[in-house]
Amino acid sequence: MIEIKNIKKSFGDKIVIDGVSAVMQSGKCNLIIGTSGSGKTVLMKCMVGLLVPDSGEILYNGKEFGHMNTEHRKELRQQIGMLFQGSALFDSMHVEKNVMFPLNMFTHDTYAEKLRRVNEVLDRVNLNGVNKKFPAELSGGMKKRVGIARAIVLNPKYLFCDEPNSGLDPQTSLLIDKLIQEITIEYNITTIVNTHDMNSVMETGDHIIYMYQGLKEWEGSRKEIIFSKNKRLNDFIFASEFLRDAKDMRMLEAKGKIDNDRDMDELLK
């Protein structure tokens, strides 16, 4: 579990995060959503230590990140996996070396032990037999899966995913969403996903935070989002007429008002 308390962050005179508090739950996909400039990326960077908040607290299982000494911070960083937006694979390294990189950095395991772990995580993301392929030989979806394998190779307690579906087609995006969700539940990871993808929101949003101009505008689950009366959130999530109609149908269905095919036909007219 990660708890953030009254986080504030400014750059010069511009307030980017303005007193945000939330609890990121273990074993769940915690999504941070919002338009460009809403502060969601800065919030994630504060959580992983890439930026230092001006004020507030970030607690990992009750321990405040800002008060940790160097040794404790190093231990925590070994418990954090990161899936970058562009996968951030090393072009000069084949898949096996890319995935093994965190093990080389943080463990004293033998090569045989590290190779066994690399093969375990590649198998988990359905990438058997690609050990010696280079990133240039992989599709976009395969690169994302290599990135996930590298992110979980140290058995992290926390997984941060920055726009995991960026650049992927809808079908591949759904596969990546499903994989992240499965891994989150299977290993009881606290997963934080920064995303613009509305499919991700509706498919995997166990816990959703909607950011607007540095503020936490709304918080809830993917089920609750259907019934939200927050206008800014609805304008963001259901931007198109098609999605607004879909929301109306979901609301009616949930309330038991769609009784037969004729009613559905009327709604679709």
C-alpha atoms as a PDB file:
ATOM      1  CA  MET A   1       0.000   0.000   0.000  1.00  0.00           C
ATOM      2  CA  ILE A   2       1.128   3.533  -0.788  1.00  0.00           C
ATOM      3  CA  GLU A   3      -0.414   6.507   0.977  1.00  0.00           C
ATOM      4  CA  ILE A   4       0.069  10.067  -0.233  1.00  0.00           C
ATOM      5  CA  LYS A   5      -0.870  12.893   2.112  1.00  0.00           C
ATOM      6  CA  ASN A   6      -1.452  16.482   1.007  1.00  0.00           C
ATOM      7  CA  ILE A   7       1.231  16.428  -1.714  1.00  0.00           C
ATOM      8  CA  LYS A   8       2.088  19.800  -3.211  1.00  0.00           C
ATOM      9  CA  LYS A   9       4.517  20.527  -6.039  1.00  0.00           C
ATOM     10  CA  SER A  10       5.259  23.740  -7.915  1.00  0.00           C
ATOM     11  CA  PHE A  11       7.658  24.774 -10.649  1.00  0.00           C
ATOM     12  CA  GLY A  12       8.374  28.446 -10.138  1.00  0.00           C
ATOM     13  CA  ASP A  13       5.030  30.202  -9.748  1.00  0.00           C
ATOM     14  CA  LYS A  14       3.063  27.379 -11.366  1.00  0.00           C
ATOM     15  CA  ILE A  15       1.301  25.011  -8.956  1.00  0.00           C
ATOM     16  CA  VAL A  16       1.249  21.549 -10.545  1.00  0.00           C
ATOM     17  CA  ILE A  17       0.070  19.412  -7.603  1.00  0.00           C
ATOM     18  CA  ASP A  18      -2.123  21.130  -5.052  1.00  0.00           C
ATOM     19  CA  GLY A  19      -2.739  19.155  -1.875  1.00  0.00           C
ATOM     20  CA  VAL A  20      -3.481  15.681  -3.266  1.00  0.00           C
ATOM     21  CA  SER A  21      -4.151  12.797  -0.869  1.00  0.00           C
ATOM     22  CA  ALA A  22      -4.981   9.183  -1.754  1.00  0.00           C
ATOM     23  CA  VAL A  23      -4.335   5.550  -0.853  1.00  0.00           C
ATOM     24  CA  MET A  24      -2.996   3.200  -3.537  1.00  0.00           C
ATOM     25  CA  GLN A  25      -4.259  -0.252  -2.644  1.00  0.00           C
ATOM     26  CA  SER A  26      -2.358  -3.550  -2.734  1.00  0.00           C
ATOM     27  CA  GLY A  27      -3.485  -6.187  -5.214  1.00  0.00           C
ATOM     28  CA  LYS A  28      -5.354  -3.601  -7.261  1.00  0.00           C
ATOM     29  CA  CYS A  29      -4.787  -1.521 -10.395  1.00  0.00           C
ATOM     30  CA  ASN A  30      -4.752   2.086  -9.198  1.00  0.00           C
ATOM     31  CA  LEU A  31      -5.233   4.398 -12.191  1.00  0.00           C
ATOM     32  CA  ILE A  32      -4.323   8.083 -12.371  1.00  0.00           C
ATOM     33  CA  ILE A  33      -6.165   9.774 -15.232  1.00  0.00           C
ATOM     34  CA  GLY A  34      -6.617  13.298 -16.516  1.00  0.00           C
ATOM     35  CA  THR A  35      -5.939  15.587 -19.448  1.00  0.00           C
ATOM     36  CA  SER A  36      -2.429  16.707 -20.395  1.00  0.00           C
ATOM     37  CA  GLY A  37      -1.197  19.190 -17.805  1.00  0.00           C
ATOM     38  CA  SER A  38      -3.480  17.845 -15.062  1.00  0.00           C
ATOM     39  CA  GLY A  39      -0.509  16.862 -12.884  1.00  0.00           C
ATOM     40  CA  LYS A  40      -0.807  13.080 -13.082  1.00  0.00           C
ATOM     41  CA  THR A  41       2.710  12.496 -14.433  1.00  0.00           C
ATOM     42  CA  VAL A  42       4.269  14.826 -11.847  1.00  0.00           C
ATOM     43  CA  LEU A  43       2.354  13.004  -9.112  1.00  0.00           C
ATOM     44  CA  MET A  44       3.726   9.657 -10.272  1.00  0.00           C
ATOM     45  CA  LYS A  45       7.270  11.064 -10.456  1.00  0.00           C
ATOM     46  CA  CYS A  46       6.925  12.311  -6.875  1.00  0.00           C
ATOM     47  CA  MET A  47       5.783   8.862  -5.775  1.00  0.00           C
ATOM     48  CA  VAL A  48       8.803   7.079  -7.265  1.00  0.00           C
ATOM     49  CA  GLY A  49      11.292   9.697  -6.059  1.00  0.00           C
ATOM     50  CA  LEU A  50      12.148  11.275  -9.402  1.00  0.00           C
ATOM     51  CA  LEU A  51      10.780  14.567  -8.067  1.00  0.00           C
ATOM     52  CA  VAL A  52      10.738  15.868  -4.496  1.00  0.00           C
ATOM     53  CA  PRO A  53       7.392  17.297  -3.331  1.00  0.00           C
ATOM     54  CA  ASP A  54       7.401  20.791  -1.852  1.00  0.00           C
ATOM     55  CA  SER A  55       5.340  19.484   1.053  1.00  0.00           C
ATOM     56  CA  GLY A  56       3.282  16.481   2.107  1.00  0.00           C
ATOM     57  CA  GLU A  57       4.124  12.843   2.760  1.00  0.00           C
ATOM     58  CA  ILE A  58       4.493   9.674   0.700  1.00  0.00           C
ATOM     59  CA  LEU A  59       4.299   6.502   2.785  1.00  0.00           C
ATOM     60  CA  TYR A  60       5.211   3.019   1.601  1.00  0.00           C
ATOM     61  CA  ASN A  61       3.543   0.582   4.000  1.00  0.00           C
ATOM     62  CA  GLY A  62       3.587   3.262   6.675  1.00  0.00           C
ATOM     63  CA  LYS A  63       7.203   4.382   6.157  1.00  0.00           C
ATOM     64  CA  GLU A  64       7.665   7.953   4.938  1.00  0.00           C
ATOM     65  CA  PHE A  65       9.778   8.047   1.772  1.00  0.00           C
ATOM     66  CA  GLY A  66      11.248  11.502   2.462  1.00  0.00           C
ATOM     67  CA  HIS A  67      12.609  10.462   5.862  1.00  0.00           C
ATOM     68  CA  MET A  68      14.366   7.293   4.703  1.00  0.00           C
ATOM     69  CA  ASN A  69      18.129   7.116   4.846  1.00  0.00           C
ATOM     70  CA  THR A  70      20.183   6.098   1.808  1.00  0.00           C
ATOM     71  CA  GLU A  71      20.193   2.399   2.712  1.00  0.00           C
ATOM     72  CA  HIS A  72      16.448   2.214   3.228  1.00  0.00           C
ATOM     73  CA  ARG A  73      15.788   4.114  -0.010  1.00  0.00           C
ATOM     74  CA  LYS A  74      17.953   1.643  -1.896  1.00  0.00           C
ATOM     75  CA  GLU A  75      16.003  -1.246  -0.372  1.00  0.00           C
ATOM     76  CA  LEU A  76      12.720   0.388  -1.361  1.00  0.00           C
ATOM     77  CA  ARG A  77      13.863   1.033  -4.924  1.00  0.00           C
ATOM     78  CA  GLN A  78      14.544  -2.693  -5.296  1.00  0.00           C
ATOM     79  CA  GLN A  79      10.879  -3.258  -4.448  1.00  0.00           C
ATOM     80  CA  ILE A  80       9.695  -0.895  -7.203  1.00  0.00           C
ATOM     81  CA  GLY A  81       9.192  -2.010 -10.801  1.00  0.00           C
ATOM     82  CA  MET A  82       8.748   0.556 -13.582  1.00  0.00           C
ATOM     83  CA  LEU A  83       7.191   0.113 -17.009  1.00  0.00           C
ATOM     84  CA  PHE A  84       8.126   3.154 -19.078  1.00  0.00           C
ATOM     85  CA  GLN A  85       5.933   4.681 -21.780  1.00  0.00           C
ATOM     86  CA  GLY A  86       8.267   3.730 -24.626  1.00  0.00           C
ATOM     87  CA  SER A  87       9.378   0.499 -22.888  1.00  0.00           C
ATOM     88  CA  ALA A  88      12.900   2.053 -22.601  1.00  0.00           C
ATOM     89  CA  LEU A  89      14.708  -1.094 -23.691  1.00  0.00           C
ATOM     90  CA  PHE A  90      18.422  -0.937 -24.421  1.00  0.00           C
ATOM     91  CA  ASP A  91      18.717  -1.243 -28.206  1.00  0.00           C
ATOM     92  CA  SER A  92      22.223  -2.710 -28.000  1.00  0.00           C
ATOM     93  CA  MET A  93      21.126  -5.529 -25.672  1.00  0.00           C
ATOM     94  CA  HIS A  94      19.040  -8.555 -26.587  1.00  0.00           C
ATOM     95  CA  VAL A  95      15.948  -9.418 -24.584  1.00  0.00           C
ATOM     96  CA  GLU A  96      17.728 -11.642 -22.087  1.00  0.00           C
ATOM     97  CA  LYS A  97      20.221  -8.939 -21.125  1.00  0.00           C
ATOM     98  CA  ASN A  98      17.506  -6.278 -20.967  1.00  0.00           C
ATOM     99  CA  VAL A  99      15.484  -8.316 -18.494  1.00  0.00           C
ATOM    100  CA  MET A 100      18.575  -9.354 -16.549  1.00  0.00           C
ATOM    101  CA  PHE A 101      19.741  -5.745 -16.123  1.00  0.00           C
ATOM    102  CA  PRO A 102      18.010  -5.119 -12.732  1.00  0.00           C
ATOM    103  CA  LEU A 103      19.364  -8.420 -11.418  1.00  0.00           C
ATOM    104  CA  ASN A 104      22.884  -7.359 -12.356  1.00  0.00           C
ATOM    105  CA  MET A 105      22.352  -4.017 -10.643  1.00  0.00           C
ATOM    106  CA  PHE A 106      20.791  -5.159  -7.378  1.00  0.00           C
ATOM    107  CA  THR A 107      21.652  -8.814  -6.718  1.00  0.00           C
ATOM    108  CA  HIS A 108      24.708 -11.000  -6.226  1.00  0.00           C
ATOM    109  CA  ASP A 109      23.071 -14.074  -7.749  1.00  0.00           C
ATOM    110  CA  THR A 110      25.048 -16.396  -9.978  1.00  0.00           C
ATOM    111  CA  TYR A 111      24.543 -16.142 -13.727  1.00  0.00           C
ATOM    112  CA  ALA A 112      22.622 -19.431 -13.665  1.00  0.00           C
ATOM    113  CA  GLU A 113      20.258 -18.098 -10.979  1.00  0.00           C
ATOM    114  CA  LYS A 114      19.707 -14.870 -12.872  1.00  0.00           C
ATOM    115  CA  LEU A 115      19.069 -16.708 -16.139  1.00  0.00           C
ATOM    116  CA  ARG A 116      16.537 -18.959 -14.426  1.00  0.00           C
ATOM    117  CA  ARG A 117      14.674 -15.893 -13.124  1.00  0.00           C
ATOM    118  CA  VAL A 118      14.799 -14.192 -16.533  1.00  0.00           C
ATOM    119  CA  ASN A 119      13.268 -17.263 -18.160  1.00  0.00           C
ATOM    120  CA  GLU A 120      10.584 -17.418 -15.463  1.00  0.00           C
ATOM    121  CA  VAL A 121       9.367 -13.886 -16.096  1.00  0.00           C
ATOM    122  CA  LEU A 122       9.616 -14.213 -19.891  1.00  0.00           C
ATOM    123  CA  ASP A 123       7.457 -17.302 -19.616  1.00  0.00           C
ATOM    124  CA  ARG A 124       5.004 -15.351 -17.420  1.00  0.00           C
ATOM    125  CA  VAL A 125       4.528 -12.717 -20.136  1.00  0.00           C
ATOM    126  CA  ASN A 126       4.281 -15.375 -22.872  1.00  0.00           C
ATOM    127  CA  LEU A 127       7.613 -14.618 -24.520  1.00  0.00           C
ATOM    128  CA  ASN A 128       9.346 -17.990 -24.614  1.00  0.00           C
ATOM    129  CA  GLY A 129      12.217 -18.297 -27.067  1.00  0.00           C
ATOM    130  CA  VAL A 130      12.921 -14.600 -27.638  1.00  0.00           C
ATOM    131  CA  ASN A 131      15.966 -14.361 -25.353  1.00  0.00           C
ATOM    132  CA  LYS A 132      18.428 -13.516 -28.099  1.00  0.00           C
ATOM    133  CA  LYS A 133      16.215 -11.174 -30.115  1.00  0.00           C
ATOM    134  CA  PHE A 134      16.994  -7.456 -30.113  1.00  0.00           C
ATOM    135  CA  PRO A 135      14.342  -4.751 -29.541  1.00  0.00           C
ATOM    136  CA  ALA A 136      14.391  -3.813 -33.238  1.00  0.00           C
ATOM    137  CA  GLU A 137      13.165  -7.339 -34.035  1.00  0.00           C
ATOM    138  CA  LEU A 138      10.133  -7.091 -31.746  1.00  0.00           C
ATOM    139  CA  SER A 139       6.636  -5.748 -32.303  1.00  0.00           C
ATOM    140  CA  GLY A 140       5.284  -2.953 -30.120  1.00  0.00           C
ATOM    141  CA  GLY A 141       3.300  -5.374 -27.984  1.00  0.00           C
ATOM    142  CA  MET A 142       6.300  -7.659 -27.516  1.00  0.00           C
ATOM    143  CA  LYS A 143       8.430  -4.709 -26.404  1.00  0.00           C
ATOM    144  CA  LYS A 144       5.800  -3.841 -23.792  1.00  0.00           C
ATOM    145  CA  ARG A 145       5.833  -7.419 -22.527  1.00  0.00           C
ATOM    146  CA  VAL A 146       9.628  -7.385 -22.295  1.00  0.00           C
ATOM    147  CA  GLY A 147       9.279  -4.144 -20.346  1.00  0.00           C
ATOM    148  CA  ILE A 148       6.815  -5.818 -17.975  1.00  0.00           C
ATOM    149  CA  ALA A 149       9.144  -8.808 -17.561  1.00  0.00           C
ATOM    150  CA  ARG A 150      12.010  -6.484 -16.650  1.00  0.00           C
ATOM    151  CA  ALA A 151       9.747  -4.545 -14.262  1.00  0.00           C
ATOM    152  CA  ILE A 152       8.775  -7.682 -12.294  1.00  0.00           C
ATOM    153  CA  VAL A 153      12.076  -9.579 -12.421  1.00  0.00           C
ATOM    154  CA  LEU A 154      13.010  -8.426  -8.877  1.00  0.00           C
ATOM    155  CA  ASN A 155       9.617  -9.508  -7.475  1.00  0.00           C
ATOM    156  CA  PRO A 156       8.520  -5.933  -6.738  1.00  0.00           C
ATOM    157  CA  LYS A 157       5.875  -4.946  -4.218  1.00  0.00           C
ATOM    158  CA  TYR A 158       5.057  -1.844  -6.262  1.00  0.00           C
ATOM    159  CA  LEU A 159       4.628  -1.515 -10.024  1.00  0.00           C
ATOM    160  CA  PHE A 160       4.425   1.844 -11.808  1.00  0.00           C
ATOM    161  CA  CYS A 161       3.214   1.908 -15.409  1.00  0.00           C
ATOM    162  CA  ASP A 162       3.459   5.107 -17.453  1.00  0.00           C
ATOM    163  CA  GLU A 163       1.017   5.005 -20.389  1.00  0.00           C
ATOM    164  CA  PRO A 164       1.446   1.226 -20.909  1.00  0.00           C
ATOM    165  CA  ASN A 165      -0.767   1.229 -24.023  1.00  0.00           C
ATOM    166  CA  SER A 166       0.916   4.121 -25.799  1.00  0.00           C
ATOM    167  CA  GLY A 167       1.418   3.339 -29.483  1.00  0.00           C
ATOM    168  CA  LEU A 168      -0.444   0.021 -29.399  1.00  0.00           C
ATOM    169  CA  ASP A 169      -3.471  -1.087 -31.395  1.00  0.00           C
ATOM    170  CA  PRO A 170      -6.719  -1.671 -29.433  1.00  0.00           C
ATOM    171  CA  GLN A 171      -6.441  -5.469 -29.391  1.00  0.00           C
ATOM    172  CA  THR A 172      -2.833  -5.445 -28.156  1.00  0.00           C
ATOM    173  CA  SER A 173      -3.741  -2.778 -25.601  1.00  0.00           C
ATOM    174  CA  LEU A 174      -6.362  -5.079 -24.113  1.00  0.00           C
ATOM    175  CA  LEU A 175      -3.816  -7.905 -23.874  1.00  0.00           C
ATOM    176  CA  ILE A 176      -1.352  -5.636 -22.031  1.00  0.00           C
ATOM    177  CA  ASP A 177      -4.120  -4.435 -19.689  1.00  0.00           C
ATOM    178  CA  LYS A 178      -5.084  -8.019 -18.922  1.00  0.00           C
ATOM    179  CA  LEU A 179      -1.475  -9.015 -18.294  1.00  0.00           C
ATOM    180  CA  ILE A 180      -0.874  -6.118 -15.894  1.00  0.00           C
ATOM    181  CA  GLN A 181      -4.117  -6.927 -14.071  1.00  0.00           C
ATOM    182  CA  GLU A 182      -3.256 -10.628 -13.767  1.00  0.00           C
ATOM    183  CA  ILE A 183       0.234  -9.922 -12.444  1.00  0.00           C
ATOM    184  CA  THR A 184      -1.139  -7.383  -9.967  1.00  0.00           C
ATOM    185  CA  ILE A 185      -3.568  -9.902  -8.493  1.00  0.00           C
ATOM    186  CA  GLU A 186      -1.251 -12.904  -8.720  1.00  0.00           C
ATOM    187  CA  TYR A 187       1.623 -11.254  -6.821  1.00  0.00           C
ATOM    188  CA  ASN A 188      -0.503  -8.863  -4.711  1.00  0.00           C
ATOM    189  CA  ILE A 189       1.368  -5.871  -6.136  1.00  0.00           C
ATOM    190  CA  THR A 190       0.393  -2.251  -5.560  1.00  0.00           C
ATOM    191  CA  THR A 191       0.094  -1.168  -9.196  1.00  0.00           C
ATOM    192  CA  ILE A 192      -0.156   2.475 -10.245  1.00  0.00           C
ATOM    193  CA  VAL A 193      -1.019   3.194 -13.883  1.00  0.00           C
ATOM    194  CA  ASN A 194      -0.841   6.613 -15.509  1.00  0.00           C
ATOM    195  CA  THR A 195      -3.091   6.427 -18.570  1.00  0.00           C
ATOM    196  CA  HIS A 196      -5.194   8.232 -21.173  1.00  0.00           C
ATOM    197  CA  ASP A 197      -6.689   4.961 -22.424  1.00  0.00           C
ATOM    198  CA  MET A 198     -10.389   4.762 -21.606  1.00  0.00           C
ATOM    199  CA  ASN A 199     -10.452   1.030 -22.309  1.00  0.00           C
ATOM    200  CA  SER A 200      -7.917   0.622 -19.500  1.00  0.00           C
ATOM    201  CA  VAL A 201     -10.110   2.701 -17.209  1.00  0.00           C
ATOM    202  CA  MET A 202     -13.210   0.592 -17.865  1.00  0.00           C
ATOM    203  CA  GLU A 203     -11.431  -2.782 -17.915  1.00  0.00           C
ATOM    204  CA  THR A 204      -8.881  -2.551 -15.087  1.00  0.00           C
ATOM    205  CA  GLY A 205      -9.760   0.501 -12.992  1.00  0.00           C
ATOM    206  CA  ASP A 206     -10.135  -1.044  -9.528  1.00  0.00           C
ATOM    207  CA  HIS A 207      -9.306   2.359  -8.044  1.00  0.00           C
ATOM    208  CA  ILE A 208      -9.297   5.532 -10.160  1.00  0.00           C
ATOM    209  CA  ILE A 209      -8.079   9.038  -9.381  1.00  0.00           C
ATOM    210  CA  TYR A 210      -9.104  11.776 -11.789  1.00  0.00           C
ATOM    211  CA  MET A 211      -6.789  14.798 -11.754  1.00  0.00           C
ATOM    212  CA  TYR A 212      -7.782  18.267 -12.922  1.00  0.00           C
ATOM    213  CA  GLN A 213      -5.402  21.258 -12.806  1.00  0.00           C
ATOM    214  CA  GLY A 214      -3.348  19.757  -9.994  1.00  0.00           C
ATOM    215  CA  LEU A 215      -6.321  18.732  -7.859  1.00  0.00           C
ATOM    216  CA  LYS A 216      -7.872  15.356  -7.163  1.00  0.00           C
ATOM    217  CA  GLU A 217     -11.228  16.016  -8.810  1.00  0.00           C
ATOM    218  CA  TRP A 218     -12.786  12.555  -8.349  1.00  0.00           C
ATOM    219  CA  GLU A 219     -11.962   9.152  -6.864  1.00  0.00           C
ATOM    220  CA  GLY A 220     -13.721   5.807  -7.228  1.00  0.00           C
ATOM    221  CA  SER A 221     -13.892   2.502  -9.121  1.00  0.00           C
ATOM    222  CA  ARG A 222     -14.693   1.674 -12.751  1.00  0.00           C
ATOM    223  CA  LYS A 223     -18.194   0.672 -11.646  1.00  0.00           C
ATOM    224  CA  GLU A 224     -18.786   3.939  -9.818  1.00  0.00           C
ATOM    225  CA  ILE A 225     -17.506   6.014 -12.724  1.00  0.00           C
ATOM    226  CA  ILE A 226     -20.587   5.080 -14.773  1.00  0.00           C
ATOM    227  CA  PHE A 227     -22.817   6.853 -12.261  1.00  0.00           C
ATOM    228  CA  SER A 228     -20.579   9.846 -11.592  1.00  0.00           C
ATOM    229  CA  LYS A 229     -22.245  13.243 -11.781  1.00  0.00           C
ATOM    230  CA  ASN A 230     -18.922  15.077 -12.008  1.00  0.00           C
ATOM    231  CA  LYS A 231     -19.220  17.072 -15.250  1.00  0.00           C
ATOM    232  CA  ARG A 232     -15.464  17.432 -15.872  1.00  0.00           C
ATOM    233  CA  LEU A 233     -14.936  13.699 -15.368  1.00  0.00           C
ATOM    234  CA  ASN A 234     -17.831  12.813 -17.659  1.00  0.00           C
ATOM    235  CA  ASP A 235     -16.600  15.205 -20.346  1.00  0.00           C
ATOM    236  CA  PHE A 236     -13.165  13.569 -20.146  1.00  0.00           C
ATOM    237  CA  ILE A 237     -14.238   9.921 -20.022  1.00  0.00           C
ATOM    238  CA  PHE A 238     -17.252  10.110 -22.332  1.00  0.00           C
ATOM    239  CA  ALA A 239     -15.912  12.666 -24.788  1.00  0.00           C
ATOM    240  CA  SER A 240     -17.652  11.278 -27.893  1.00  0.00           C
ATOM    241  CA  GLU A 241     -21.383  10.958 -28.533  1.00  0.00           C
ATOM    242  CA  PHE A 242     -20.950   7.201 -28.955  1.00  0.00           C
ATOM    243  CA  LEU A 243     -19.386   6.853 -25.482  1.00  0.00           C
ATOM    244  CA  ARG A 244     -22.057   9.073 -23.935  1.00  0.00           C
ATOM    245  CA  ASP A 245     -24.733   6.828 -25.426  1.00  0.00           C
ATOM    246  CA  ALA A 246     -22.859   3.770 -24.156  1.00  0.00           C
ATOM    247  CA  LYS A 247     -22.793   5.271 -20.664  1.00  0.00           C
ATOM    248  CA  ASP A 248     -26.542   5.875 -20.784  1.00  0.00           C
ATOM    249  CA  MET A 249     -27.130   2.260 -21.770  1.00  0.00           C
ATOM    250  CA  ARG A 250     -24.829   0.978 -19.023  1.00  0.00           C
ATOM    251  CA  MET A 251     -26.695   3.064 -16.459  1.00  0.00           C
ATOM    252  CA  LEU A 252     -30.073   1.812 -17.630  1.00  0.00           C
ATOM    253  CA  GLU A 253     -28.857  -1.774 -17.726  1.00  0.00           C
ATOM    254  CA  ALA A 254     -27.456  -1.505 -14.209  1.00  0.00           C
ATOM    255  CA  LYS A 255     -30.788  -0.141 -12.977  1.00  0.00           C
ATOM    256  CA  GLY A 256     -32.662  -3.024 -14.586  1.00  0.00           C
ATOM    257  CA  LYS A 257     -34.514  -0.881 -17.105  1.00  0.00           C
ATOM    258  CA  ILE A 258     -33.454  -2.796 -20.197  1.00  0.00           C
ATOM    259  CA  ASP A 259     -35.939  -5.658 -20.172  1.00  0.00           C
ATOM    260  CA  ASN A 260     -35.863  -6.957 -23.704  1.00  0.00           C
ATOM    261  CA  ASP A 261     -34.334  -6.601 -27.136  1.00  0.00           C
ATOM    262  CA  ARG A 262     -37.006  -4.130 -28.210  1.00  0.00           C
ATOM    263  CA  ASP A 263     -35.946  -1.690 -25.489  1.00  0.00           C
ATOM    264  CA  MET A 264     -32.333  -2.028 -26.624  1.00  0.00           C
ATOM    265  CA  ASP A 265     -33.352  -1.401 -30.230  1.00  0.00           C
ATOM    266  CA  GLU A 266     -35.129   1.783 -29.166  1.00  0.00           C
ATOM    267  CA  LEU A 267     -32.046   3.029 -27.340  1.00  0.00           C
ATOM    268  CA  LEU A 268     -29.868   2.403 -30.357  1.00  0.00           C
ATOM    269  CA  LYS A 269     -32.041   4.477 -32.710  1.00  0.00           C
END
